[in-house]
C-alpha atoms as a PDB file:
ATOM      1  CA  MET A   1       0.000   0.000   0.000  1.00  0.00           C
ATOM      2  CA  HIS A   2       1.240   3.475  -0.870  1.00  0.00           C
ATOM      3  CA  ILE A   3       0.084   6.687   0.796  1.00  0.00           C
ATOM      4  CA  ALA A   4       0.179  10.227  -0.592  1.00  0.00           C
ATOM      5  CA  ARG A   5      -1.184  13.530   0.658  1.00  0.00           C
ATOM      6  CA  ILE A   6      -3.279  16.000  -1.296  1.00  0.00           C
ATOM      7  CA  THR A   7      -1.999  19.583  -1.262  1.00  0.00           C
ATOM      8  CA  SER A   8      -4.160  22.666  -0.688  1.00  0.00           C
ATOM      9  CA  LYS A   9      -4.222  23.004  -4.488  1.00  0.00           C
ATOM     10  CA  GLY A  10      -5.684  19.505  -4.872  1.00  0.00           C
ATOM     11  CA  GLN A  11      -2.424  18.039  -6.166  1.00  0.00           C
ATOM     12  CA  THR A  12      -0.761  14.788  -5.182  1.00  0.00           C
ATOM     13  CA  THR A  13       2.249  12.744  -6.245  1.00  0.00           C
ATOM     14  CA  ILE A  14       1.857   9.243  -7.615  1.00  0.00           C
ATOM     15  CA  PRO A  15       4.663   7.151  -6.096  1.00  0.00           C
ATOM     16  CA  VAL A  16       7.410   6.071  -8.515  1.00  0.00           C
ATOM     17  CA  SER A  17       6.700   2.370  -8.040  1.00  0.00           C
ATOM     18  CA  ILE A  18       3.031   2.901  -8.962  1.00  0.00           C
ATOM     19  CA  ARG A  19       3.953   5.020 -12.009  1.00  0.00           C
ATOM     20  CA  LYS A  20       6.330   2.310 -13.200  1.00  0.00           C
ATOM     21  CA  ALA A  21       3.842  -0.516 -12.606  1.00  0.00           C
ATOM     22  CA  ALA A  22       1.075   1.383 -14.452  1.00  0.00           C
ATOM     23  CA  ASN A  23       3.448   2.681 -17.154  1.00  0.00           C
ATOM     24  CA  LEU A  24       2.518   6.299 -16.369  1.00  0.00           C
ATOM     25  CA  ASN A  25       4.623   9.071 -17.863  1.00  0.00           C
ATOM     26  CA  ALA A  26       4.605  12.877 -17.885  1.00  0.00           C
ATOM     27  CA  GLY A  27       1.833  14.120 -20.145  1.00  0.00           C
ATOM     28  CA  ASP A  28      -0.343  11.010 -19.799  1.00  0.00           C
ATOM     29  CA  THR A  29      -4.081  11.559 -19.347  1.00  0.00           C
ATOM     30  CA  LEU A  30      -5.893  10.006 -16.401  1.00  0.00           C
ATOM     31  CA  THR A  31      -9.580   9.534 -15.707  1.00  0.00           C
ATOM     32  CA  PHE A  32     -11.077   9.469 -12.201  1.00  0.00           C
ATOM     33  CA  GLU A  33     -14.217   7.665 -11.096  1.00  0.00           C
ATOM     34  CA  VAL A  34     -15.749   7.240  -7.640  1.00  0.00           C
ATOM     35  CA  LYS A  35     -17.268   3.818  -6.924  1.00  0.00           C
ATOM     36  CA  GLY A  36     -18.643   3.710  -3.391  1.00  0.00           C
ATOM     37  CA  ASP A  37     -15.681   4.377  -1.129  1.00  0.00           C
ATOM     38  CA  TYR A  38     -13.130   3.625  -3.887  1.00  0.00           C
ATOM     39  CA  LEU A  39     -11.448   6.082  -6.229  1.00  0.00           C
ATOM     40  CA  LEU A  40     -10.543   4.488  -9.556  1.00  0.00           C
ATOM     41  CA  VAL A  41      -7.759   6.121 -11.529  1.00  0.00           C
ATOM     42  CA  ARG A  42      -7.167   4.905 -15.070  1.00  0.00           C
ATOM     43  CA  LYS A  43      -4.755   5.886 -17.799  1.00  0.00           C
ATOM     44  CA  ILE A  44      -6.533   6.637 -21.058  1.00  0.00           C
ATOM     45  CA  ASN A  45      -5.257   7.042 -24.572  1.00  0.00           C
ATOM     46  CA  VAL A  46      -6.789  10.278 -25.853  1.00  0.00           C
ATOM     47  CA  SER A  47      -5.541   9.689 -29.404  1.00  0.00           C
ATOM     48  CA  ASN A  48      -7.817   6.620 -29.721  1.00  0.00           C
ATOM     49  CA  ASP A  49     -10.982   8.543 -28.781  1.00  0.00           C
ATOM     50  CA  ASP A  50     -12.169  11.255 -31.189  1.00  0.00           C
ATOM     51  CA  TYR A  51     -14.311  12.984 -28.541  1.00  0.00           C
ATOM     52  CA  LEU A  52     -11.515  13.104 -25.963  1.00  0.00           C
ATOM     53  CA  LYS A  53      -9.030  14.244 -28.599  1.00  0.00           C
ATOM     54  CA  GLY A  54     -11.307  17.159 -29.510  1.00  0.00           C
ATOM     55  CA  VAL A  55     -11.893  18.156 -25.898  1.00  0.00           C
ATOM     56  CA  SER A  56      -8.195  17.815 -25.068  1.00  0.00           C
ATOM     57  CA  GLU A  57      -7.225  20.127 -27.928  1.00  0.00           C
ATOM     58  CA  THR A  58      -9.600  22.850 -26.674  1.00  0.00           C
ATOM     59  CA  LEU A  59      -8.132  22.698 -23.158  1.00  0.00           C
ATOM     60  CA  ASN A  60      -4.567  23.362 -24.331  1.00  0.00           C
ATOM     61  CA  GLU A  61      -5.160  27.085 -24.830  1.00  0.00           C
ATOM     62  CA  TRP A  62      -3.984  27.827 -21.273  1.00  0.00           C
ATOM     63  CA  SER A  63      -1.032  25.470 -21.042  1.00  0.00           C
ATOM     64  CA  SER A  64       1.843  27.856 -21.777  1.00  0.00           C
ATOM     65  CA  PRO A  65       4.638  28.430 -19.245  1.00  0.00           C
ATOM     66  CA  GLU A  66       3.235  31.950 -18.707  1.00  0.00           C
ATOM     67  CA  ASP A  67      -0.169  30.535 -17.850  1.00  0.00           C
ATOM     68  CA  GLU A  68       1.349  28.013 -15.475  1.00  0.00           C
ATOM     69  CA  GLU A  69       3.212  30.820 -13.703  1.00  0.00           C
ATOM     70  CA  ALA A  70       0.074  32.968 -13.482  1.00  0.00           C
ATOM     71  CA  TRP A  71      -2.069  30.126 -12.085  1.00  0.00           C
ATOM     72  CA  ASN A  72       0.643  28.780  -9.770  1.00  0.00           C
ATOM     73  CA  ALA A  73      -0.170  31.195  -6.935  1.00  0.00           C
ATOM     74  CA  LEU A  74      -3.883  30.311  -6.842  1.00  0.00           C
END
């Protein structure tokens, strides 16, 4: 069992051993689903889903380094 804390910004770190076992890499897309008292986290391949690809492309408008810096303090 691995334990991680959630920051005040809602962020957490996935332990290295879990990332390796699930083949998770920087830039991967995850989906979250609540099932009772379980949280399911799954890696998804956006490029295989036309809907997700379209939505993903519209969300990239605020992903510049300048935007990251501006949002970092929130």
